[in-house]
N, C-alpha and C. Protein backbone atom coordinates (compact mmCIF):
# COMPACT_ATOMS: atom_id res chain seq x y z
N UNK A 1 49.11 83.73 -20.07
CA UNK A 1 49.80 82.44 -20.66
C UNK A 1 50.80 82.52 -19.23
N UNK A 2 51.16 80.68 -19.06
CA UNK A 2 51.88 80.78 -17.58
C UNK A 2 53.16 81.41 -17.87
N UNK A 3 54.19 81.22 -16.65
CA UNK A 3 55.33 81.92 -17.32
C UNK A 3 56.24 80.66 -17.00
N UNK A 4 57.77 80.86 -17.67
CA UNK A 4 58.37 79.59 -18.20
C UNK A 4 58.74 79.26 -16.91
N UNK A 5 58.96 79.86 -15.69
CA UNK A 5 59.23 79.23 -14.38
C UNK A 5 57.99 78.15 -13.83
N UNK A 6 56.75 78.69 -14.00
CA UNK A 6 55.82 77.98 -13.83
C UNK A 6 55.42 76.54 -14.03
N UNK A 7 55.94 76.54 -15.51
CA UNK A 7 56.16 75.44 -16.39
C UNK A 7 56.71 74.56 -16.01
N UNK A 8 58.12 74.94 -15.78
CA UNK A 8 59.66 74.10 -15.13
C UNK A 8 58.98 73.31 -13.99
N UNK A 9 58.23 74.12 -13.31
CA UNK A 9 57.85 73.65 -11.78
C UNK A 9 56.99 72.60 -12.23
N UNK A 10 56.14 72.88 -12.66
CA UNK A 10 54.73 71.75 -13.19
C UNK A 10 55.49 70.37 -13.63
N UNK A 11 56.51 70.67 -14.68
CA UNK A 11 57.05 69.60 -15.44
C UNK A 11 58.02 68.78 -14.20
N UNK A 12 58.82 69.56 -13.56
CA UNK A 12 59.39 68.94 -12.35
C UNK A 12 58.39 67.99 -11.43
N UNK A 13 57.17 68.71 -10.98
CA UNK A 13 56.43 67.95 -10.28
C UNK A 13 55.70 66.90 -10.81
N UNK A 14 55.71 66.96 -11.96
CA UNK A 14 55.07 65.69 -12.68
C UNK A 14 56.12 64.72 -12.69
N UNK A 15 57.38 64.77 -13.33
CA UNK A 15 58.65 63.78 -12.90
C UNK A 15 58.77 63.49 -11.83
N UNK A 16 58.40 64.11 -10.67
CA UNK A 16 59.04 63.49 -9.44
C UNK A 16 57.47 62.72 -8.92
N UNK A 17 56.33 63.17 -9.35
CA UNK A 17 55.10 61.92 -8.97
C UNK A 17 54.97 60.67 -9.67
N UNK A 18 56.08 60.81 -11.06
CA UNK A 18 56.11 59.91 -11.88
C UNK A 18 57.13 58.57 -11.22
N UNK A 19 58.38 59.09 -10.84
CA UNK A 19 59.26 58.55 -10.02
C UNK A 19 58.46 57.76 -8.66
N UNK A 20 57.88 58.60 -7.91
CA UNK A 20 57.32 58.16 -6.77
C UNK A 20 56.48 57.04 -6.88
N UNK A 21 55.50 57.14 -7.95
CA UNK A 21 54.74 55.91 -8.35
C UNK A 21 55.54 54.73 -8.81
N UNK A 22 56.65 54.83 -9.51
CA UNK A 22 57.39 53.77 -10.15
C UNK A 22 57.89 53.11 -8.64
N UNK A 23 58.35 53.88 -7.58
CA UNK A 23 58.87 53.36 -6.44
C UNK A 23 58.05 52.35 -5.89
N UNK A 24 56.59 53.08 -5.66
CA UNK A 24 55.60 52.29 -5.23
C UNK A 24 55.28 50.69 -5.57
N UNK A 25 55.55 50.82 -6.81
CA UNK A 25 55.22 49.61 -7.74
C UNK A 25 56.38 48.90 -7.54
N UNK A 26 57.25 49.16 -7.32
CA UNK A 26 58.41 48.08 -7.48
C UNK A 26 58.65 47.54 -5.67
N UNK A 27 58.13 48.20 -4.99
CA UNK A 27 58.41 47.57 -3.48
C UNK A 27 57.45 45.96 -3.62
N UNK A 28 58.22 45.33 -3.09
CA UNK A 28 57.86 43.92 -2.85
C UNK A 28 57.06 43.98 -1.63
N UNK A 29 56.19 42.95 -1.81
CA UNK A 29 55.03 42.54 -0.67
C UNK A 29 56.20 42.03 0.16
N UNK A 30 55.87 42.32 1.69
CA UNK A 30 56.77 41.46 2.44
C UNK A 30 56.11 40.09 2.84
N UNK A 31 57.22 39.02 3.04
CA UNK A 31 56.76 37.88 3.19
C UNK A 31 56.39 37.69 4.58
N UNK A 32 55.51 36.84 4.74
CA UNK A 32 54.64 35.97 5.66
C UNK A 32 55.95 36.01 7.04
N UNK A 33 55.62 36.34 8.04
CA UNK A 33 56.64 35.90 9.43
C UNK A 33 56.51 34.66 9.44
N UNK A 34 55.65 33.65 9.28
CA UNK A 34 55.62 32.49 9.43
C UNK A 34 54.47 31.78 8.62
N UNK A 35 54.67 30.88 7.70
CA UNK A 35 53.95 30.17 7.02
C UNK A 35 52.50 29.64 7.61
N UNK A 36 51.59 29.41 7.16
CA UNK A 36 50.57 29.15 8.10
C UNK A 36 50.75 27.43 8.15
N UNK A 37 51.25 26.81 6.94
CA UNK A 37 51.65 25.47 7.11
C UNK A 37 52.69 24.73 8.25
N UNK A 38 53.39 25.90 8.47
CA UNK A 38 54.36 25.80 9.78
C UNK A 38 53.81 25.67 11.28
N UNK A 39 53.02 26.72 11.46
CA UNK A 39 51.96 26.96 12.41
C UNK A 39 51.15 25.57 12.94
N UNK A 40 50.66 25.41 11.75
CA UNK A 40 49.71 23.75 11.63
C UNK A 40 50.75 22.33 12.51
N UNK A 41 51.84 22.54 12.89
CA UNK A 41 52.87 21.69 13.27
C UNK A 41 52.13 20.18 13.56
N UNK A 42 51.44 20.87 14.70
CA UNK A 42 50.36 19.49 15.28
C UNK A 42 49.75 18.25 14.02
N UNK A 43 49.44 18.87 13.06
CA UNK A 43 48.12 18.27 12.08
C UNK A 43 49.02 17.90 11.24
N UNK A 44 50.29 18.40 10.71
CA UNK A 44 51.29 17.65 9.59
C UNK A 44 52.34 17.09 9.92
N UNK A 45 53.12 17.19 11.07
CA UNK A 45 54.32 16.71 11.30
C UNK A 45 54.73 15.29 11.20
N UNK A 46 55.61 14.87 11.47
CA UNK A 46 55.91 13.46 11.41
C UNK A 46 55.98 12.82 12.89
N UNK A 47 55.60 13.44 13.70
CA UNK A 47 54.96 13.20 14.71
C UNK A 47 54.08 12.12 15.10
N UNK A 48 53.25 12.37 14.18
CA UNK A 48 52.03 11.80 14.14
C UNK A 48 52.40 10.31 13.36
N UNK A 49 53.28 10.20 12.45
CA UNK A 49 53.89 9.22 11.98
C UNK A 49 54.26 8.15 13.03
N UNK A 50 54.96 8.88 13.77
CA UNK A 50 55.58 8.40 14.80
C UNK A 50 54.86 7.28 15.59
N UNK A 51 53.91 8.21 16.33
CA UNK A 51 52.81 7.64 17.16
C UNK A 51 52.27 6.12 16.23
N UNK A 52 51.87 6.36 15.05
CA UNK A 52 51.23 5.13 14.74
C UNK A 52 52.55 3.88 14.42
N UNK A 53 53.91 4.80 14.26
CA UNK A 53 54.84 3.52 14.06
C UNK A 53 55.23 2.78 15.17
N UNK A 54 54.79 3.22 16.20
CA UNK A 54 55.41 2.45 17.86
C UNK A 54 54.75 1.24 17.55
N UNK A 55 53.53 0.80 16.89
CA UNK A 55 52.65 -0.23 17.10
C UNK A 55 53.22 -1.18 16.05
N UNK A 56 54.13 -0.68 15.34
CA UNK A 56 55.23 -1.91 14.32
C UNK A 56 56.54 -1.29 14.91
N UNK A 57 56.82 -2.53 15.63
CA UNK A 57 58.70 -2.09 16.22
C UNK A 57 59.54 -2.19 15.11
N UNK A 58 59.32 -2.89 14.35
CA UNK A 58 60.55 -2.90 13.08
C UNK A 58 60.42 -1.71 12.09
N UNK A 59 59.05 -1.30 11.61
CA UNK A 59 59.17 0.19 11.04
C UNK A 59 59.53 1.35 11.95
N UNK A 60 59.20 1.18 13.08
CA UNK A 60 59.62 2.29 14.03
C UNK A 60 61.43 2.12 14.20
N UNK A 61 61.83 1.08 13.88
CA UNK A 61 63.35 1.06 14.14
C UNK A 61 63.95 1.38 12.93
N UNK A 62 63.13 1.33 11.71
CA UNK A 62 63.62 1.63 10.40
C UNK A 62 63.97 3.24 10.12
N UNK A 63 62.52 3.37 10.73
CA UNK A 63 62.19 5.11 10.97
C UNK A 63 63.66 6.18 11.63
N UNK A 64 63.81 5.24 13.04
CA UNK A 64 64.41 6.24 13.95
C UNK A 64 65.78 5.26 14.02
N UNK A 65 66.08 4.47 13.39
CA UNK A 65 67.49 3.75 13.91
C UNK A 65 67.47 3.35 15.16
N UNK A 66 66.63 3.08 15.81
CA UNK A 66 66.42 2.67 17.13
C UNK A 66 65.40 2.19 17.54
N UNK A 67 65.41 1.31 18.77
CA UNK A 67 64.00 0.89 19.10
C UNK A 67 63.33 2.10 19.94
N UNK A 68 62.12 1.67 20.49
CA UNK A 68 61.33 2.52 21.02
C UNK A 68 61.84 3.23 22.38
N UNK A 69 62.13 1.97 22.95
CA UNK A 69 62.83 2.11 24.43
C UNK A 69 63.88 2.91 24.28
N UNK A 70 64.86 2.59 23.52
CA UNK A 70 66.17 3.28 23.38
C UNK A 70 65.78 4.84 23.05
N UNK A 71 65.01 5.05 22.35
CA UNK A 71 64.62 6.32 21.76
C UNK A 71 64.04 7.27 23.41
N UNK A 72 63.04 6.35 24.02
CA UNK A 72 62.77 7.05 25.01
C UNK A 72 63.66 7.22 26.21
N UNK A 73 64.80 6.53 26.30
CA UNK A 73 65.85 6.34 27.13
C UNK A 73 66.90 7.70 26.59
N UNK A 74 67.12 8.10 25.90
CA UNK A 74 67.49 9.16 24.95
C UNK A 74 66.89 10.35 25.19
N UNK A 75 65.61 10.44 25.06
CA UNK A 75 65.01 11.59 25.04
C UNK A 75 64.62 12.10 26.60
N UNK A 76 64.88 11.20 27.34
CA UNK A 76 64.55 11.53 28.66
C UNK A 76 66.13 12.01 29.21
N UNK A 77 67.13 11.53 28.82
CA UNK A 77 68.82 12.32 28.89
C UNK A 77 68.74 13.37 28.52
N UNK A 78 68.18 13.61 27.09
CA UNK A 78 68.41 15.15 26.68
C UNK A 78 67.49 16.36 26.89
N UNK A 79 66.39 16.02 27.38
CA UNK A 79 65.29 16.86 27.63
C UNK A 79 65.76 18.07 28.30
N UNK A 80 66.49 18.06 29.31
CA UNK A 80 66.92 18.86 30.41
C UNK A 80 67.56 20.05 29.73
N UNK A 81 68.17 19.25 28.35
CA UNK A 81 69.29 20.35 27.83
C UNK A 81 68.73 21.01 26.68
N UNK A 82 67.70 20.58 26.08
CA UNK A 82 67.17 21.01 24.67
C UNK A 82 65.49 21.29 24.98
N UNK A 83 65.16 21.34 26.19
CA UNK A 83 63.83 21.85 26.56
C UNK A 83 63.82 23.46 26.44
N UNK A 84 62.82 23.92 25.56
CA UNK A 84 62.74 25.46 25.64
C UNK A 84 61.25 25.97 26.19
N UNK A 85 61.41 27.45 26.97
CA UNK A 85 59.94 27.66 27.36
C UNK A 85 59.05 27.91 26.35
N UNK A 86 57.77 28.05 26.29
CA UNK A 86 57.06 28.91 25.84
C UNK A 86 56.91 30.40 25.60
N UNK A 87 56.50 30.97 24.47
CA UNK A 87 56.80 32.71 24.95
C UNK A 87 55.43 33.10 24.76
N UNK A 88 54.84 34.09 24.75
CA UNK A 88 53.79 34.79 24.36
C UNK A 88 53.44 34.99 22.97
N UNK A 89 54.37 35.10 21.99
CA UNK A 89 54.50 35.00 20.88
C UNK A 89 54.36 33.95 20.05
N UNK A 90 54.81 32.38 20.63
CA UNK A 90 54.65 31.28 19.66
C UNK A 90 54.90 30.32 21.00
N UNK A 91 54.62 28.95 20.56
CA UNK A 91 54.79 27.87 21.45
C UNK A 91 56.33 27.40 20.82
N UNK A 92 56.83 26.58 22.06
CA UNK A 92 58.38 25.98 21.71
C UNK A 92 58.21 25.03 20.85
N UNK A 93 59.11 24.65 20.73
CA UNK A 93 59.23 23.34 19.59
C UNK A 93 60.10 22.42 21.06
N UNK A 94 58.80 21.24 20.85
CA UNK A 94 59.02 20.55 22.54
C UNK A 94 60.30 19.28 22.04
N UNK A 95 61.05 18.97 22.93
CA UNK A 95 62.03 17.91 23.19
C UNK A 95 61.94 16.79 22.27
N UNK A 96 60.49 16.46 22.12
CA UNK A 96 60.55 15.07 21.30
C UNK A 96 60.78 15.43 20.19
N UNK A 97 59.98 16.93 19.21
CA UNK A 97 60.25 16.83 18.20
C UNK A 97 61.73 17.45 17.41
N UNK A 98 62.40 18.11 18.50
CA UNK A 98 63.76 18.54 18.44
C UNK A 98 64.66 17.15 18.10
N UNK A 99 64.52 16.28 19.18
CA UNK A 99 65.07 14.83 18.86
C UNK A 99 65.06 13.90 17.71
N UNK A 100 63.67 14.02 17.42
CA UNK A 100 63.00 13.34 16.27
C UNK A 100 63.69 13.91 14.98
N UNK A 101 63.68 15.22 14.45
CA UNK A 101 64.21 15.82 13.58
C UNK A 101 65.73 15.79 13.31
N UNK A 102 66.29 15.63 14.68
CA UNK A 102 67.91 15.77 14.55
C UNK A 102 68.11 14.05 14.32
N UNK A 103 67.50 13.36 15.06
CA UNK A 103 67.81 12.06 14.27
C UNK A 103 67.52 11.64 13.03
N UNK A 104 66.31 12.21 12.60
CA UNK A 104 66.15 12.00 11.14
C UNK A 104 67.14 12.58 10.13
N UNK A 105 67.61 13.74 10.67
CA UNK A 105 68.70 14.38 10.05
C UNK A 105 69.94 13.78 10.05
N UNK A 106 70.44 13.14 11.12
CA UNK A 106 71.72 12.17 10.97
C UNK A 106 71.32 10.75 10.25
N UNK A 107 70.08 10.56 10.40
CA UNK A 107 69.72 9.33 9.67
C UNK A 107 69.92 9.23 8.14
N UNK A 108 69.23 10.26 7.82
CA UNK A 108 69.17 10.41 6.10
C UNK A 108 70.06 11.27 5.84
N UNK A 109 70.87 12.45 6.08
CA UNK A 109 71.51 12.99 5.66
C UNK A 109 70.73 14.26 4.73
N UNK A 110 69.63 14.51 4.70
CA UNK A 110 68.69 15.20 4.04
C UNK A 110 68.84 16.77 4.79
N UNK A 111 68.86 17.67 3.86
CA UNK A 111 68.90 19.14 4.22
C UNK A 111 67.69 19.61 5.02
N UNK A 112 68.31 20.94 5.44
CA UNK A 112 67.32 21.48 6.50
C UNK A 112 66.23 21.97 5.39
N UNK A 113 66.35 22.25 3.78
CA UNK A 113 65.26 22.47 3.55
C UNK A 113 64.32 21.52 2.93
N UNK A 114 64.79 20.38 3.23
CA UNK A 114 64.04 19.08 2.62
C UNK A 114 63.26 18.76 3.89
N UNK A 115 63.87 18.50 5.21
CA UNK A 115 63.40 18.35 6.49
C UNK A 115 62.16 19.20 6.78
N UNK A 116 62.15 20.19 6.52
CA UNK A 116 61.23 21.32 7.08
C UNK A 116 59.60 20.75 6.67
N UNK A 117 59.83 19.96 5.39
CA UNK A 117 58.27 19.32 5.03
C UNK A 117 57.84 18.27 5.90
N UNK A 118 58.70 17.42 6.38
CA UNK A 118 58.40 16.26 7.15
C UNK A 118 58.45 16.61 8.60
N UNK A 119 58.79 17.77 9.27
CA UNK A 119 59.09 18.18 10.57
C UNK A 119 58.06 19.42 11.11
N UNK A 120 58.01 20.22 9.68
CA UNK A 120 57.39 21.31 9.81
C UNK A 120 57.67 22.19 10.82
N UNK A 121 59.00 22.06 10.57
CA UNK A 121 60.04 23.14 11.47
C UNK A 121 60.72 24.03 10.56
N UNK A 122 60.92 24.96 10.28
CA UNK A 122 61.92 26.26 9.48
C UNK A 122 62.83 25.72 9.40
N UNK A 123 63.59 25.94 8.00
CA UNK A 123 64.71 25.58 7.89
C UNK A 123 65.61 26.16 9.22
N UNK A 124 65.53 27.47 9.09
CA UNK A 124 66.21 28.63 10.40
C UNK A 124 66.19 27.97 11.23
N UNK A 125 64.82 27.42 11.67
CA UNK A 125 64.97 26.70 13.43
C UNK A 125 65.72 25.58 13.06
N UNK A 126 65.63 24.77 12.44
CA UNK A 126 66.44 23.45 12.10
C UNK A 126 68.15 23.56 12.13
N UNK A 127 68.46 24.70 11.57
CA UNK A 127 69.81 24.95 11.90
C UNK A 127 70.34 25.39 13.42
N UNK A 128 69.76 25.75 14.37
CA UNK A 128 69.67 25.96 15.41
C UNK A 128 69.55 24.57 16.52
N UNK A 129 68.34 23.98 15.92
CA UNK A 129 68.18 22.76 16.78
C UNK A 129 68.98 21.70 16.49
N UNK A 130 69.42 21.63 15.37
CA UNK A 130 70.02 20.11 15.00
C UNK A 130 71.48 20.15 15.79
N UNK A 131 72.34 21.55 15.70
CA UNK A 131 73.56 21.43 16.17
C UNK A 131 73.36 21.33 18.01
N UNK A 132 72.31 22.18 18.31
CA UNK A 132 71.97 21.96 19.94
C UNK A 132 71.63 20.54 20.49
N UNK A 133 70.88 19.68 19.44
CA UNK A 133 70.38 18.56 20.16
C UNK A 133 71.72 17.69 19.85
N UNK A 134 72.70 17.79 18.85
CA UNK A 134 73.74 17.10 18.92
C UNK A 134 74.74 17.20 19.68
N UNK A 135 74.92 18.49 20.33
CA UNK A 135 76.01 18.67 21.39
C UNK A 135 75.14 18.03 22.93
N UNK A 136 74.00 18.11 22.67
CA UNK A 136 73.18 17.50 24.04
C UNK A 136 73.32 15.99 23.84
N UNK A 137 73.07 15.35 22.69
CA UNK A 137 73.51 14.07 22.92
C UNK A 137 74.82 13.40 23.22
N UNK A 138 75.54 14.28 22.66
CA UNK A 138 77.17 13.90 22.99
C UNK A 138 77.07 14.31 24.56
N UNK A 139 77.18 15.45 24.98
CA UNK A 139 77.16 15.26 26.43
C UNK A 139 76.60 14.57 27.32
N UNK A 140 75.29 13.90 27.17
CA UNK A 140 74.74 13.26 27.86
C UNK A 140 75.72 11.55 27.50
N UNK A 141 76.18 11.18 26.41
CA UNK A 141 76.70 10.02 26.31
C UNK A 141 77.85 9.77 26.00
N UNK A 142 78.55 10.40 26.19
CA UNK A 142 79.97 11.04 26.09
C UNK A 142 80.75 10.32 27.20
N UNK A 143 80.28 10.22 28.24
CA UNK A 143 80.84 10.29 29.67
C UNK A 143 80.68 8.44 29.73
N UNK A 144 79.48 7.85 29.29
CA UNK A 144 79.21 6.75 29.41
C UNK A 144 79.76 5.91 28.27
N UNK A 145 79.86 5.93 26.62
CA UNK A 145 80.19 5.33 25.76
C UNK A 145 81.90 6.03 24.99
N UNK A 146 82.02 7.13 25.30
CA UNK A 146 83.26 7.54 24.65
C UNK A 146 84.39 7.85 26.03
N UNK A 147 85.26 6.79 26.53
CA UNK A 147 86.25 6.94 27.47
C UNK A 147 87.18 7.32 26.37
N UNK A 148 87.97 8.54 27.11
CA UNK A 148 89.21 8.60 26.52
C UNK A 148 90.45 8.40 27.51
N UNK A 149 91.84 8.07 26.92
CA UNK A 149 92.42 7.39 27.67
C UNK A 149 93.12 8.62 28.52
N UNK A 150 93.78 8.42 29.48
CA UNK A 150 94.70 9.33 30.47
C UNK A 150 95.88 10.29 29.67
N UNK A 151 96.43 9.21 28.93
CA UNK A 151 97.59 9.87 28.02
C UNK A 151 97.15 10.47 27.13
N UNK A 152 95.99 10.47 26.19
CA UNK A 152 95.23 11.59 25.35
C UNK A 152 95.21 12.84 26.12
N UNK A 153 94.75 12.74 27.24
CA UNK A 153 94.14 13.90 27.72
C UNK A 153 95.21 14.46 28.28
N UNK A 154 96.41 13.71 28.84
CA UNK A 154 97.53 14.78 29.20
C UNK A 154 98.28 15.14 28.17
N UNK A 155 98.34 14.62 27.07
CA UNK A 155 99.16 14.95 25.84
C UNK A 155 98.52 16.23 25.31
N UNK A 156 97.16 15.82 25.03
CA UNK A 156 96.33 17.00 24.52
C UNK A 156 95.32 17.70 25.18
N UNK A 157 95.58 18.82 26.24
CA UNK A 157 94.69 19.53 27.03
C UNK A 157 93.82 20.09 26.27
N UNK A 158 92.34 20.00 27.11
CA UNK A 158 90.90 20.63 26.18
C UNK A 158 91.21 21.73 26.63
């Protein structure tokens, strides 16, 4: 007959084993690093629609809130400020996609979560891209379109 000590150790081992099994079952499966449909940006994005809309100027204007020529002028102006380098891990989001996502955000007021479906850009990336692109737009357009009076600058130094 086994000693009382051996029985206690066996019961303790069974309890610990059961706790260990429960912990393993509770562990959540890790989420994907990037969803597959977001990786296929070229296939699913609004950029394809934009290419088609160029043949219909009124529809392009309705979608972008500006004509094609104005869009390209703005794109040329902000590209040096918003262009990113590709890495070994992933391809960067090009200035065309960045500007289009920002203009759609400004035109529609949609949330980043909603915009991710038309832009195929994650909400986390949009939360960085849109403010950065807005700063770039302001930086390139402010000197030409937003003249500040000298009196204001003198009384309110930046």
